[in-house]
Structures are given as C-alpha cells and as structure tokens.
C-alpha cells in the first residue's frame, strides 16, 4: 500500500507539470494548509563566484510596476550555468528561486 501512495504522489506531480507551447516544462507547487511556498521571485544583485550570485527577494506589484525588493541579500546558485566556469548573468535579471534543503537555487539562462 505504501508503494501505491508514493506512485500516486508522483502521478499528481506529473499531472501538475505541463508542456508549454514553446516546449518549456512548467511545474506547479502544492502547498499544504498552514505551510509556505519554498520559492520566491528574486532579482540578481551581483556575482559571487562561479555560478553563485547574490539575490534579493522581490514582490511583484501590478502589471507594469517595478518589483519591490524586500529582505536581505542571500546567495543562490544558477543551475543554468556550469559549476566549473565563471557565471555571466547580469545584475538586474529576475528569476524564480527555490529553497532545496540548505541551498537556494534558480535557473536563468544568461
């Protein structure tokens, strides 16, 4: 029965993912009541080393409004760049950052 439950959860996550018209893979997050999302919109503030950047959380306002930065800067890893080479992402770019264990990560193509 336990294996069936895991399989059902995997199917739910697969159903939440859908293929966008430009062949991009998009996913949704499922949040339990009382829990919080582990992803945030961020702006790139500066380059630290390799594919690691300083980022800051932003609040998305109305359409056409500039996002408002909140909180402190934090380090996050760009998974779209090599772990062995210096990153080339420009400050001011925006991304969606995910919290994975003790690390922050985002995917932004330079």
C-alpha atoms as a PDB file:
ATOM      1  CA  UNK A   1       0.000   0.000   0.000  1.00  0.00           C
ATOM      2  CA  UNK A   2       2.870   2.391   0.796  1.00  0.00           C
ATOM      3  CA  UNK A   3       4.370   1.997  -2.706  1.00  0.00           C
ATOM      4  CA  UNK A   4       0.958   2.811  -4.195  1.00  0.00           C
ATOM      5  CA  UNK A   5       0.845   6.057  -2.172  1.00  0.00           C
ATOM      6  CA  UNK A   6       4.281   7.110  -3.471  1.00  0.00           C
ATOM      7  CA  UNK A   7       3.254   6.261  -7.032  1.00  0.00           C
ATOM      8  CA  UNK A   8       0.052   8.297  -6.616  1.00  0.00           C
ATOM      9  CA  UNK A   9       2.060  11.300  -5.367  1.00  0.00           C
ATOM     10  CA  UNK A  10       4.418  11.034  -8.335  1.00  0.00           C
ATOM     11  CA  UNK A  11       1.426  10.895 -10.695  1.00  0.00           C
ATOM     12  CA  UNK A  12      -0.091  14.007  -9.088  1.00  0.00           C
ATOM     13  CA  UNK A  13       3.188  15.887  -9.576  1.00  0.00           C
ATOM     14  CA  UNK A  14       3.434  14.671 -13.169  1.00  0.00           C
ATOM     15  CA  UNK A  15      -0.143  15.829 -13.799  1.00  0.00           C
ATOM     16  CA  UNK A  16       0.720  19.284 -12.425  1.00  0.00           C
ATOM     17  CA  UNK A  17       3.580  19.613 -14.913  1.00  0.00           C
ATOM     18  CA  UNK A  18       2.536  20.541 -18.414  1.00  0.00           C
ATOM     19  CA  UNK A  19       4.215  21.191 -21.712  1.00  0.00           C
ATOM     20  CA  UNK A  20       4.005  24.852 -22.732  1.00  0.00           C
ATOM     21  CA  UNK A  21       3.668  25.839 -26.410  1.00  0.00           C
ATOM     22  CA  UNK A  22       7.382  26.681 -26.686  1.00  0.00           C
ATOM     23  CA  UNK A  23       8.345  23.216 -25.333  1.00  0.00           C
ATOM     24  CA  UNK A  24       9.160  24.660 -21.910  1.00  0.00           C
ATOM     25  CA  UNK A  25       8.471  22.472 -18.923  1.00  0.00           C
ATOM     26  CA  UNK A  26       6.490  24.301 -16.235  1.00  0.00           C
ATOM     27  CA  UNK A  27       5.557  22.971 -12.826  1.00  0.00           C
ATOM     28  CA  UNK A  28       3.204  23.938 -10.019  1.00  0.00           C
ATOM     29  CA  UNK A  29       3.835  23.787  -6.300  1.00  0.00           C
ATOM     30  CA  UNK A  30       1.368  22.089  -3.986  1.00  0.00           C
ATOM     31  CA  UNK A  31       1.213  23.719  -0.562  1.00  0.00           C
ATOM     32  CA  UNK A  32      -0.423  22.147   2.488  1.00  0.00           C
ATOM     33  CA  UNK A  33      -2.704  24.306   4.653  1.00  0.00           C
ATOM     34  CA  UNK A  34      -0.569  26.367   7.038  1.00  0.00           C
ATOM     35  CA  UNK A  35       2.621  25.749   5.045  1.00  0.00           C
ATOM     36  CA  UNK A  36       4.512  28.277   2.989  1.00  0.00           C
ATOM     37  CA  UNK A  37       5.900  28.128  -0.531  1.00  0.00           C
ATOM     38  CA  UNK A  38       9.591  27.391  -0.910  1.00  0.00           C
ATOM     39  CA  UNK A  39      10.019  29.555  -3.994  1.00  0.00           C
ATOM     40  CA  UNK A  40      10.323  33.297  -4.471  1.00  0.00           C
ATOM     41  CA  UNK A  41      10.782  35.830  -7.248  1.00  0.00           C
ATOM     42  CA  UNK A  42      14.272  37.333  -6.962  1.00  0.00           C
ATOM     43  CA  UNK A  43      16.458  39.900  -8.666  1.00  0.00           C
ATOM     44  CA  UNK A  44      20.152  39.253  -9.278  1.00  0.00           C
ATOM     45  CA  UNK A  45      22.238  41.777  -7.322  1.00  0.00           C
ATOM     46  CA  UNK A  46      25.828  40.675  -8.045  1.00  0.00           C
ATOM     47  CA  UNK A  47      28.101  37.786  -8.961  1.00  0.00           C
ATOM     48  CA  UNK A  48      29.898  35.931  -6.135  1.00  0.00           C
ATOM     49  CA  UNK A  49      31.884  33.085  -7.693  1.00  0.00           C
ATOM     50  CA  UNK A  50      31.420  30.502 -10.456  1.00  0.00           C
ATOM     51  CA  UNK A  51      27.621  30.092 -10.806  1.00  0.00           C
ATOM     52  CA  UNK A  52      26.782  31.602  -7.398  1.00  0.00           C
ATOM     53  CA  UNK A  53      25.104  35.018  -7.151  1.00  0.00           C
ATOM     54  CA  UNK A  54      23.766  37.386  -4.516  1.00  0.00           C
ATOM     55  CA  UNK A  55      20.000  37.723  -4.960  1.00  0.00           C
ATOM     56  CA  UNK A  56      17.225  39.616  -3.210  1.00  0.00           C
ATOM     57  CA  UNK A  57      13.543  38.675  -2.958  1.00  0.00           C
ATOM     58  CA  UNK A  58      11.103  40.913  -4.843  1.00  0.00           C
ATOM     59  CA  UNK A  59       7.367  41.439  -4.534  1.00  0.00           C
ATOM     60  CA  UNK A  60       5.570  41.563  -7.864  1.00  0.00           C
ATOM     61  CA  UNK A  61       3.176  44.506  -7.929  1.00  0.00           C
ATOM     62  CA  UNK A  62       0.565  45.454 -10.525  1.00  0.00           C
ATOM     63  CA  UNK A  63       1.259  44.952 -14.229  1.00  0.00           C
ATOM     64  CA  UNK A  64       3.817  47.480 -15.436  1.00  0.00           C
ATOM     65  CA  UNK A  65       5.054  48.317 -11.926  1.00  0.00           C
ATOM     66  CA  UNK A  66       8.682  47.786 -10.940  1.00  0.00           C
ATOM     67  CA  UNK A  67       9.037  44.875  -8.448  1.00  0.00           C
ATOM     68  CA  UNK A  68       9.761  45.949  -4.851  1.00  0.00           C
ATOM     69  CA  UNK A  69      12.868  44.460  -3.223  1.00  0.00           C
ATOM     70  CA  UNK A  70      12.454  43.138   0.325  1.00  0.00           C
ATOM     71  CA  UNK A  71      14.645  41.416   2.896  1.00  0.00           C
ATOM     72  CA  UNK A  72      18.376  40.824   2.894  1.00  0.00           C
ATOM     73  CA  UNK A  73      20.580  39.611   0.066  1.00  0.00           C
ATOM     74  CA  UNK A  74      21.360  35.888   0.020  1.00  0.00           C
ATOM     75  CA  UNK A  75      23.470  33.544  -2.049  1.00  0.00           C
ATOM     76  CA  UNK A  76      21.861  31.354  -4.686  1.00  0.00           C
ATOM     77  CA  UNK A  77      23.227  29.002  -7.335  1.00  0.00           C
ATOM     78  CA  UNK A  78      22.256  29.353 -11.005  1.00  0.00           C
ATOM     79  CA  UNK A  79      21.666  25.818 -12.296  1.00  0.00           C
ATOM     80  CA  UNK A  80      21.661  27.027 -15.925  1.00  0.00           C
ATOM     81  CA  UNK A  81      25.402  27.737 -15.771  1.00  0.00           C
ATOM     82  CA  UNK A  82      28.385  25.428 -15.368  1.00  0.00           C
ATOM     83  CA  UNK A  83      29.582  24.736 -11.841  1.00  0.00           C
ATOM     84  CA  UNK A  84      33.169  24.941 -13.144  1.00  0.00           C
ATOM     85  CA  UNK A  85      33.141  28.256 -15.053  1.00  0.00           C
ATOM     86  CA  UNK A  86      32.530  31.859 -14.028  1.00  0.00           C
ATOM     87  CA  UNK A  87      28.917  32.949 -14.325  1.00  0.00           C
ATOM     88  CA  UNK A  88      27.867  35.639 -16.793  1.00  0.00           C
ATOM     89  CA  UNK A  89      24.367  36.546 -15.603  1.00  0.00           C
ATOM     90  CA  UNK A  90      23.890  40.329 -15.494  1.00  0.00           C
ATOM     91  CA  UNK A  91      22.784  42.125 -12.318  1.00  0.00           C
ATOM     92  CA  UNK A  92      19.156  43.197 -12.506  1.00  0.00           C
ATOM     93  CA  UNK A  93      17.940  39.969 -14.122  1.00  0.00           C
ATOM     94  CA  UNK A  94      14.960  38.273 -12.489  1.00  0.00           C
ATOM     95  CA  UNK A  95      14.388  34.600 -11.701  1.00  0.00           C
ATOM     96  CA  UNK A  96      12.370  32.267  -9.513  1.00  0.00           C
ATOM     97  CA  UNK A  97      14.474  30.928  -6.654  1.00  0.00           C
ATOM     98  CA  UNK A  98      13.767  27.620  -4.916  1.00  0.00           C
ATOM     99  CA  UNK A  99      14.902  26.540  -1.468  1.00  0.00           C
ATOM    100  CA  UNK A 100      16.300  22.991  -1.571  1.00  0.00           C
ATOM    101  CA  UNK A 101      17.474  21.785   1.805  1.00  0.00           C
ATOM    102  CA  UNK A 102      20.074  24.316   2.952  1.00  0.00           C
ATOM    103  CA  UNK A 103      20.682  25.788  -0.527  1.00  0.00           C
ATOM    104  CA  UNK A 104      18.951  28.337  -2.733  1.00  0.00           C
ATOM    105  CA  UNK A 105      18.887  27.658  -6.467  1.00  0.00           C
ATOM    106  CA  UNK A 106      17.402  29.229  -9.599  1.00  0.00           C
ATOM    107  CA  UNK A 107      17.561  28.600 -13.338  1.00  0.00           C
ATOM    108  CA  UNK A 108      18.250  31.655 -15.510  1.00  0.00           C
ATOM    109  CA  UNK A 109      19.915  31.474 -18.904  1.00  0.00           C
ATOM    110  CA  UNK A 110      22.314  34.413 -19.452  1.00  0.00           C
END
